[in-house]
Amino acid sequence: MLRPASLPPSRRSELVTWGAAALTAAALYVVPYATIGSIVTGAAGRWVALLAGCVVVLVVAAIRLWSALVVLAAAVVSGIFGAIAWFVVVVSDTCGGSIAATVVEWTGAAAIALGLGAWAVHYRGGRVFWGLPLGWVLGAIWIAIVAHVIPGGAGGCIE
């Protein structure tokens, strides 16, 4: 009888560890937006559900990975640098209506930020306090560059 090929236990364990790191990093990147969305919309359903999902992931991270204080500090740092990244994107004149630019901007920014964030979470320690902010800043720079490279830009303009 043929057995299906499977990963050795060490590879499987590493995949689970990296997956958990990526999920934790994603939660740390989404918490600022979900919090603001919940406050602005008066606790509308999808924002609260998104925030609740992030909180669940971060509670698990606080129990299994770090302490609650480290997770709270990482979320605050992420929120501060999320605001800085938003400011960089707005100031860099990225306005326009190009769907191609929007897709390339946000896909690239998410890949950059999530890759750096997962790396920072996976290797623990103080890396999370500079890896997450670096992901925010490099993602914002990516958006600004792509908006000027692809004709039409993307996003609204502040006038």
N, C-alpha and C. Protein backbone atom coordinates (compact mmCIF):
# COMPACT_ATOMS: atom_id res chain seq x y z
N MET A 1 0.83 -1.17 0.00
CA MET A 1 0.00 0.00 0.00
C MET A 1 0.89 1.25 0.00
N LEU A 2 0.55 2.17 -0.87
CA LEU A 2 1.33 3.40 -0.96
C LEU A 2 0.83 4.41 0.07
N ARG A 3 1.79 5.01 0.73
CA ARG A 3 1.45 6.05 1.69
C ARG A 3 1.67 7.40 1.04
N PRO A 4 0.78 8.34 1.28
CA PRO A 4 0.98 9.68 0.70
C PRO A 4 2.24 10.33 1.27
N ALA A 5 2.90 11.05 0.43
CA ALA A 5 4.09 11.76 0.89
C ALA A 5 3.67 12.85 1.87
N SER A 6 4.38 12.90 2.95
CA SER A 6 4.08 13.95 3.93
C SER A 6 5.39 14.56 4.39
N LEU A 7 5.26 15.69 5.01
CA LEU A 7 6.44 16.37 5.51
C LEU A 7 6.95 15.69 6.76
N PRO A 8 8.27 15.68 6.95
CA PRO A 8 8.80 15.15 8.20
C PRO A 8 8.31 15.99 9.38
N PRO A 9 8.26 15.43 10.57
CA PRO A 9 7.73 16.18 11.72
C PRO A 9 8.42 17.52 11.95
N SER A 10 9.72 17.60 11.73
CA SER A 10 10.41 18.87 11.98
C SER A 10 9.95 19.95 11.00
N ARG A 11 9.73 19.60 9.74
CA ARG A 11 9.26 20.56 8.74
C ARG A 11 7.82 20.98 9.04
N ARG A 12 7.00 20.02 9.46
CA ARG A 12 5.61 20.33 9.80
C ARG A 12 5.57 21.30 10.96
N SER A 13 6.40 21.06 11.95
CA SER A 13 6.45 21.93 13.12
C SER A 13 6.90 23.34 12.73
N GLU A 14 7.87 23.43 11.83
CA GLU A 14 8.34 24.73 11.39
C GLU A 14 7.27 25.48 10.60
N LEU A 15 6.52 24.76 9.77
CA LEU A 15 5.42 25.39 9.03
C LEU A 15 4.36 25.94 9.98
N VAL A 16 4.03 25.18 11.01
CA VAL A 16 3.04 25.64 11.99
C VAL A 16 3.57 26.87 12.72
N THR A 17 4.85 26.85 13.09
CA THR A 17 5.44 27.98 13.80
C THR A 17 5.44 29.24 12.94
N TRP A 18 5.84 29.11 11.67
CA TRP A 18 5.83 30.28 10.78
C TRP A 18 4.41 30.75 10.49
N GLY A 19 3.47 29.82 10.37
CA GLY A 19 2.07 30.19 10.15
C GLY A 19 1.52 30.98 11.33
N ALA A 20 1.85 30.52 12.54
CA ALA A 20 1.40 31.24 13.74
C ALA A 20 2.05 32.62 13.81
N ALA A 21 3.32 32.72 13.42
CA ALA A 21 4.00 34.02 13.41
C ALA A 21 3.35 34.97 12.41
N ALA A 22 3.02 34.46 11.23
CA ALA A 22 2.38 35.29 10.21
C ALA A 22 0.99 35.74 10.68
N LEU A 23 0.24 34.85 11.32
CA LEU A 23 -1.09 35.20 11.83
C LEU A 23 -0.99 36.25 12.93
N THR A 24 -0.02 36.11 13.81
CA THR A 24 0.18 37.09 14.88
C THR A 24 0.59 38.44 14.30
N ALA A 25 1.50 38.43 13.33
CA ALA A 25 1.91 39.69 12.69
C ALA A 25 0.73 40.35 12.00
N ALA A 26 -0.08 39.55 11.30
CA ALA A 26 -1.26 40.10 10.63
C ALA A 26 -2.21 40.74 11.64
N ALA A 27 -2.40 40.09 12.77
CA ALA A 27 -3.27 40.65 13.81
C ALA A 27 -2.71 41.96 14.33
N LEU A 28 -1.38 42.03 14.52
CA LEU A 28 -0.77 43.27 15.00
C LEU A 28 -0.88 44.39 13.97
N TYR A 29 -0.88 44.06 12.69
CA TYR A 29 -1.05 45.08 11.66
C TYR A 29 -2.51 45.51 11.51
N VAL A 30 -3.45 44.63 11.77
CA VAL A 30 -4.86 44.93 11.55
C VAL A 30 -5.51 45.61 12.76
N VAL A 31 -5.00 45.37 13.96
CA VAL A 31 -5.61 45.92 15.18
C VAL A 31 -5.82 47.43 15.11
N PRO A 32 -4.85 48.24 14.66
CA PRO A 32 -5.12 49.69 14.61
C PRO A 32 -6.29 50.06 13.71
N TYR A 33 -6.36 49.45 12.52
CA TYR A 33 -7.46 49.75 11.60
C TYR A 33 -8.79 49.27 12.16
N ALA A 34 -8.81 48.07 12.73
CA ALA A 34 -10.05 47.53 13.28
C ALA A 34 -10.53 48.36 14.47
N THR A 35 -9.61 48.84 15.29
CA THR A 35 -9.98 49.66 16.43
C THR A 35 -10.59 50.99 15.96
N ILE A 36 -9.92 51.64 15.03
CA ILE A 36 -10.44 52.91 14.52
C ILE A 36 -11.77 52.68 13.79
N GLY A 37 -11.86 51.62 13.00
CA GLY A 37 -13.10 51.31 12.30
C GLY A 37 -14.25 51.06 13.26
N SER A 38 -13.97 50.38 14.37
CA SER A 38 -15.02 50.11 15.36
C SER A 38 -15.48 51.39 16.04
N ILE A 39 -14.54 52.28 16.32
CA ILE A 39 -14.89 53.53 16.99
C ILE A 39 -15.66 54.46 16.06
N VAL A 40 -15.16 54.62 14.84
CA VAL A 40 -15.76 55.57 13.89
C VAL A 40 -17.16 55.14 13.46
N THR A 41 -17.36 53.85 13.23
CA THR A 41 -18.66 53.39 12.76
C THR A 41 -19.63 53.08 13.89
N GLY A 42 -19.24 53.34 15.12
CA GLY A 42 -20.13 53.07 16.24
C GLY A 42 -20.29 51.58 16.48
N ALA A 43 -19.19 50.86 16.41
CA ALA A 43 -19.17 49.42 16.65
C ALA A 43 -20.03 48.65 15.66
N ALA A 44 -19.84 48.93 14.37
CA ALA A 44 -20.53 48.18 13.33
C ALA A 44 -20.02 46.74 13.32
N GLY A 45 -20.86 45.83 12.90
CA GLY A 45 -20.60 44.40 13.01
C GLY A 45 -19.29 43.90 12.48
N ARG A 46 -18.92 44.23 11.24
CA ARG A 46 -17.71 43.62 10.67
C ARG A 46 -16.44 44.14 11.32
N TRP A 47 -16.42 45.41 11.73
CA TRP A 47 -15.23 45.94 12.40
C TRP A 47 -15.05 45.30 13.77
N VAL A 48 -16.14 45.13 14.49
CA VAL A 48 -16.06 44.51 15.80
C VAL A 48 -15.64 43.04 15.68
N ALA A 49 -16.18 42.35 14.66
CA ALA A 49 -15.80 40.95 14.44
C ALA A 49 -14.32 40.85 14.09
N LEU A 50 -13.83 41.75 13.26
CA LEU A 50 -12.41 41.76 12.89
C LEU A 50 -11.54 42.05 14.11
N LEU A 51 -11.95 43.02 14.91
CA LEU A 51 -11.21 43.35 16.12
C LEU A 51 -11.23 42.19 17.11
N ALA A 52 -12.37 41.53 17.24
CA ALA A 52 -12.46 40.38 18.15
C ALA A 52 -11.54 39.24 17.70
N GLY A 53 -11.49 38.99 16.40
CA GLY A 53 -10.59 37.97 15.88
C GLY A 53 -9.13 38.30 16.16
N CYS A 54 -8.77 39.56 15.98
CA CYS A 54 -7.39 39.99 16.27
C CYS A 54 -7.08 39.84 17.76
N VAL A 55 -8.03 40.21 18.59
CA VAL A 55 -7.82 40.09 20.04
C VAL A 55 -7.62 38.63 20.44
N VAL A 56 -8.38 37.73 19.86
CA VAL A 56 -8.22 36.31 20.16
C VAL A 56 -6.81 35.85 19.79
N VAL A 57 -6.35 36.21 18.60
CA VAL A 57 -5.00 35.84 18.17
C VAL A 57 -3.96 36.43 19.12
N LEU A 58 -4.13 37.68 19.51
CA LEU A 58 -3.15 38.33 20.38
C LEU A 58 -3.18 37.79 21.81
N VAL A 59 -4.35 37.35 22.27
CA VAL A 59 -4.42 36.71 23.59
C VAL A 59 -3.65 35.39 23.57
N VAL A 60 -3.81 34.63 22.52
CA VAL A 60 -3.06 33.38 22.38
C VAL A 60 -1.56 33.68 22.33
N ALA A 61 -1.18 34.73 21.60
CA ALA A 61 0.24 35.11 21.54
C ALA A 61 0.75 35.54 22.91
N ALA A 62 -0.09 36.22 23.68
CA ALA A 62 0.31 36.64 25.02
C ALA A 62 0.50 35.44 25.95
N ILE A 63 -0.30 34.42 25.76
CA ILE A 63 -0.21 33.24 26.61
C ILE A 63 0.95 32.34 26.19
N ARG A 64 1.09 32.10 24.90
CA ARG A 64 2.05 31.10 24.42
C ARG A 64 3.40 31.67 23.99
N LEU A 65 3.45 32.95 23.65
CA LEU A 65 4.65 33.50 23.04
C LEU A 65 5.34 34.53 23.92
N TRP A 66 4.60 35.54 24.32
CA TRP A 66 5.15 36.63 25.11
C TRP A 66 4.28 36.84 26.34
N SER A 67 4.47 37.97 26.98
CA SER A 67 3.58 38.36 28.06
C SER A 67 2.52 39.31 27.51
N ALA A 68 1.50 39.56 28.30
CA ALA A 68 0.44 40.47 27.88
C ALA A 68 0.99 41.88 27.67
N LEU A 69 1.96 42.29 28.48
CA LEU A 69 2.53 43.63 28.36
C LEU A 69 3.29 43.78 27.04
N VAL A 70 4.01 42.76 26.62
CA VAL A 70 4.75 42.82 25.35
C VAL A 70 3.77 42.90 24.18
N VAL A 71 2.69 42.13 24.23
CA VAL A 71 1.70 42.16 23.16
C VAL A 71 1.02 43.53 23.10
N LEU A 72 0.68 44.09 24.25
CA LEU A 72 0.08 45.42 24.29
C LEU A 72 1.04 46.46 23.73
N ALA A 73 2.30 46.40 24.14
CA ALA A 73 3.30 47.35 23.64
C ALA A 73 3.48 47.19 22.13
N ALA A 74 3.51 45.97 21.63
CA ALA A 74 3.66 45.74 20.19
C ALA A 74 2.46 46.30 19.43
N ALA A 75 1.26 46.15 19.99
CA ALA A 75 0.06 46.68 19.34
C ALA A 75 0.09 48.21 19.32
N VAL A 76 0.55 48.83 20.40
CA VAL A 76 0.65 50.29 20.45
C VAL A 76 1.69 50.79 19.45
N VAL A 77 2.84 50.14 19.41
CA VAL A 77 3.89 50.52 18.46
C VAL A 77 3.37 50.37 17.03
N SER A 78 2.65 49.28 16.78
CA SER A 78 2.08 49.06 15.45
C SER A 78 1.08 50.16 15.10
N GLY A 79 0.28 50.57 16.06
CA GLY A 79 -0.68 51.65 15.81
C GLY A 79 0.00 52.97 15.51
N ILE A 80 1.05 53.28 16.25
CA ILE A 80 1.79 54.53 16.02
C ILE A 80 2.42 54.53 14.63
N PHE A 81 3.07 53.43 14.27
CA PHE A 81 3.71 53.38 12.97
C PHE A 81 2.70 53.20 11.84
N GLY A 82 1.54 52.65 12.14
CA GLY A 82 0.46 52.62 11.14
C GLY A 82 0.01 54.03 10.79
N ALA A 83 -0.08 54.89 11.81
CA ALA A 83 -0.44 56.29 11.56
C ALA A 83 0.65 57.00 10.77
N ILE A 84 1.90 56.72 11.09
CA ILE A 84 3.01 57.32 10.35
C ILE A 84 2.99 56.86 8.90
N ALA A 85 2.74 55.57 8.69
CA ALA A 85 2.68 55.03 7.33
C ALA A 85 1.54 55.67 6.55
N TRP A 86 0.39 55.83 7.19
CA TRP A 86 -0.74 56.49 6.53
C TRP A 86 -0.36 57.91 6.13
N PHE A 87 0.33 58.62 7.01
CA PHE A 87 0.76 59.98 6.72
C PHE A 87 1.72 60.00 5.54
N VAL A 88 2.66 59.06 5.49
CA VAL A 88 3.61 58.98 4.37
C VAL A 88 2.87 58.76 3.05
N VAL A 89 1.88 57.88 3.07
CA VAL A 89 1.11 57.61 1.84
C VAL A 89 0.33 58.84 1.41
N VAL A 90 -0.29 59.52 2.34
CA VAL A 90 -1.09 60.70 2.01
C VAL A 90 -0.22 61.84 1.50
N VAL A 91 0.90 62.07 2.15
CA VAL A 91 1.77 63.18 1.78
C VAL A 91 2.47 62.94 0.44
N SER A 92 2.65 61.68 0.06
CA SER A 92 3.40 61.38 -1.16
C SER A 92 2.56 61.49 -2.43
N ASP A 93 1.39 62.06 -2.35
CA ASP A 93 0.56 62.36 -3.52
C ASP A 93 0.27 61.09 -4.34
N THR A 94 -0.37 60.12 -3.71
CA THR A 94 -0.66 58.84 -4.37
C THR A 94 -2.06 58.78 -4.95
N CYS A 95 -2.69 59.91 -5.17
CA CYS A 95 -4.09 59.90 -5.60
C CYS A 95 -4.24 59.51 -7.07
N GLY A 96 -5.39 58.93 -7.36
CA GLY A 96 -5.73 58.51 -8.71
C GLY A 96 -6.76 57.41 -8.68
N GLY A 97 -7.13 56.91 -9.84
CA GLY A 97 -8.18 55.91 -9.91
C GLY A 97 -7.77 54.62 -10.58
N SER A 98 -6.49 54.33 -10.69
CA SER A 98 -6.02 53.14 -11.39
C SER A 98 -6.21 51.88 -10.54
N ILE A 99 -6.97 50.94 -11.08
CA ILE A 99 -7.18 49.67 -10.37
C ILE A 99 -5.89 48.87 -10.34
N ALA A 100 -5.14 48.89 -11.43
CA ALA A 100 -3.86 48.17 -11.48
C ALA A 100 -2.91 48.69 -10.41
N ALA A 101 -2.83 50.00 -10.27
CA ALA A 101 -1.95 50.59 -9.26
C ALA A 101 -2.40 50.19 -7.86
N THR A 102 -3.70 50.21 -7.62
CA THR A 102 -4.21 49.83 -6.30
C THR A 102 -3.85 48.40 -5.96
N VAL A 103 -4.04 47.48 -6.90
CA VAL A 103 -3.74 46.07 -6.65
C VAL A 103 -2.25 45.88 -6.39
N VAL A 104 -1.41 46.47 -7.22
CA VAL A 104 0.04 46.32 -7.05
C VAL A 104 0.51 46.98 -5.76
N GLU A 105 -0.02 48.14 -5.45
CA GLU A 105 0.35 48.85 -4.22
C GLU A 105 0.05 48.02 -2.98
N TRP A 106 -1.20 47.62 -2.83
CA TRP A 106 -1.61 46.96 -1.60
C TRP A 106 -1.11 45.53 -1.49
N THR A 107 -1.00 44.84 -2.62
CA THR A 107 -0.45 43.48 -2.58
C THR A 107 1.02 43.53 -2.18
N GLY A 108 1.77 44.42 -2.80
CA GLY A 108 3.19 44.54 -2.47
C GLY A 108 3.42 45.00 -1.05
N ALA A 109 2.65 46.00 -0.62
CA ALA A 109 2.79 46.51 0.76
C ALA A 109 2.45 45.43 1.78
N ALA A 110 1.40 44.66 1.51
CA ALA A 110 1.03 43.58 2.44
C ALA A 110 2.10 42.51 2.49
N ALA A 111 2.67 42.16 1.34
CA ALA A 111 3.72 41.13 1.31
C ALA A 111 4.96 41.60 2.06
N ILE A 112 5.34 42.85 1.85
CA ILE A 112 6.51 43.39 2.55
C ILE A 112 6.27 43.43 4.05
N ALA A 113 5.15 44.02 4.46
CA ALA A 113 4.86 44.17 5.88
C ALA A 113 4.67 42.82 6.56
N LEU A 114 3.92 41.94 5.94
CA LEU A 114 3.67 40.64 6.56
C LEU A 114 4.93 39.79 6.64
N GLY A 115 5.76 39.88 5.61
CA GLY A 115 7.02 39.14 5.64
C GLY A 115 7.92 39.61 6.77
N LEU A 116 8.10 40.92 6.88
CA LEU A 116 8.93 41.46 7.96
C LEU A 116 8.30 41.20 9.33
N GLY A 117 6.99 41.39 9.42
CA GLY A 117 6.31 41.15 10.69
C GLY A 117 6.38 39.71 11.14
N ALA A 118 6.18 38.77 10.23
CA ALA A 118 6.26 37.35 10.58
C ALA A 118 7.67 36.99 11.01
N TRP A 119 8.67 37.53 10.31
CA TRP A 119 10.05 37.28 10.69
C TRP A 119 10.32 37.80 12.10
N ALA A 120 9.84 39.01 12.40
CA ALA A 120 10.06 39.62 13.72
C ALA A 120 9.36 38.82 14.82
N VAL A 121 8.15 38.36 14.56
CA VAL A 121 7.42 37.58 15.56
C VAL A 121 8.05 36.21 15.73
N HIS A 122 8.44 35.58 14.63
CA HIS A 122 9.00 34.22 14.68
C HIS A 122 10.26 34.15 15.52
N TYR A 123 11.13 35.12 15.37
CA TYR A 123 12.39 35.09 16.11
C TYR A 123 12.32 35.80 17.45
N ARG A 124 11.16 36.25 17.84
CA ARG A 124 10.84 36.81 19.15
C ARG A 124 11.78 37.92 19.57
N GLY A 125 11.92 38.09 20.87
CA GLY A 125 12.78 39.13 21.39
C GLY A 125 12.34 40.53 20.99
N GLY A 126 13.30 41.43 20.97
CA GLY A 126 13.01 42.82 20.65
C GLY A 126 12.79 43.09 19.18
N ARG A 127 12.95 42.06 18.34
CA ARG A 127 12.77 42.26 16.89
C ARG A 127 11.38 42.77 16.55
N VAL A 128 10.40 42.39 17.34
CA VAL A 128 9.02 42.80 17.04
C VAL A 128 8.86 44.32 17.15
N PHE A 129 9.70 44.94 17.98
CA PHE A 129 9.57 46.39 18.17
C PHE A 129 10.26 47.20 17.10
N TRP A 130 11.05 46.58 16.25
CA TRP A 130 11.58 47.30 15.09
C TRP A 130 11.19 46.62 13.78
N GLY A 131 10.84 45.34 13.81
CA GLY A 131 10.42 44.64 12.59
C GLY A 131 9.04 45.08 12.11
N LEU A 132 8.08 45.19 13.03
CA LEU A 132 6.74 45.66 12.66
C LEU A 132 6.76 47.10 12.15
N PRO A 133 7.42 48.03 12.85
CA PRO A 133 7.48 49.40 12.32
C PRO A 133 8.19 49.48 10.96
N LEU A 134 9.24 48.69 10.80
CA LEU A 134 9.93 48.68 9.51
C LEU A 134 9.01 48.18 8.40
N GLY A 135 8.18 47.19 8.72
CA GLY A 135 7.18 46.70 7.75
C GLY A 135 6.20 47.79 7.36
N TRP A 136 5.72 48.56 8.35
CA TRP A 136 4.80 49.67 8.07
C TRP A 136 5.45 50.69 7.15
N VAL A 137 6.67 51.10 7.50
CA VAL A 137 7.35 52.17 6.75
C VAL A 137 7.71 51.70 5.34
N LEU A 138 8.28 50.51 5.20
CA LEU A 138 8.63 50.02 3.87
C LEU A 138 7.39 49.77 3.01
N GLY A 139 6.30 49.33 3.63
CA GLY A 139 5.05 49.17 2.89
C GLY A 139 4.53 50.51 2.38
N ALA A 140 4.62 51.54 3.21
CA ALA A 140 4.18 52.88 2.79
C ALA A 140 5.06 53.42 1.68
N ILE A 141 6.36 53.19 1.78
CA ILE A 141 7.28 53.63 0.72
C ILE A 141 6.97 52.90 -0.58
N TRP A 142 6.67 51.61 -0.48
CA TRP A 142 6.29 50.83 -1.68
C TRP A 142 5.06 51.44 -2.35
N ILE A 143 4.05 51.77 -1.55
CA ILE A 143 2.83 52.36 -2.09
C ILE A 143 3.14 53.68 -2.79
N ALA A 144 3.96 54.51 -2.16
CA ALA A 144 4.30 55.80 -2.75
C ALA A 144 5.05 55.64 -4.07
N ILE A 145 5.97 54.70 -4.12
CA ILE A 145 6.75 54.48 -5.35
C ILE A 145 5.86 53.95 -6.46
N VAL A 146 5.05 52.93 -6.16
CA VAL A 146 4.20 52.32 -7.19
C VAL A 146 3.17 53.32 -7.71
N ALA A 147 2.65 54.18 -6.84
CA ALA A 147 1.66 55.17 -7.28
C ALA A 147 2.25 56.15 -8.30
N HIS A 148 3.56 56.34 -8.25
CA HIS A 148 4.19 57.24 -9.20
C HIS A 148 4.73 56.50 -10.43
N VAL A 149 4.95 55.19 -10.31
CA VAL A 149 5.47 54.41 -11.44
C VAL A 149 4.34 53.99 -12.37
N ILE A 150 3.24 53.52 -11.81
CA ILE A 150 2.09 53.10 -12.62
C ILE A 150 1.22 54.32 -12.88
N PRO A 151 0.96 54.64 -14.13
CA PRO A 151 0.16 55.83 -14.45
C PRO A 151 -1.24 55.74 -13.83
N GLY A 152 -1.69 56.83 -13.29
CA GLY A 152 -3.04 56.90 -12.72
C GLY A 152 -3.06 56.85 -11.22
N GLY A 153 -1.98 56.41 -10.58
CA GLY A 153 -1.94 56.35 -9.12
C GLY A 153 -3.10 55.56 -8.56
N ALA A 154 -3.34 55.71 -7.28
CA ALA A 154 -4.44 55.01 -6.63
C ALA A 154 -4.81 55.73 -5.35
N GLY A 155 -6.06 55.69 -5.00
CA GLY A 155 -6.52 56.26 -3.75
C GLY A 155 -7.03 57.67 -3.91
N GLY A 156 -7.63 58.17 -2.85
CA GLY A 156 -8.20 59.50 -2.88
C GLY A 156 -7.15 60.58 -2.64
N CYS A 157 -7.50 61.81 -2.97
CA CYS A 157 -6.61 62.95 -2.80
C CYS A 157 -7.13 63.83 -1.67
N ILE A 158 -6.19 64.40 -0.94
CA ILE A 158 -6.58 65.39 0.07
C ILE A 158 -6.38 66.76 -0.57
N GLU A 159 -7.48 67.48 -0.72
CA GLU A 159 -7.39 68.78 -1.39
C GLU A 159 -7.89 69.88 -0.51
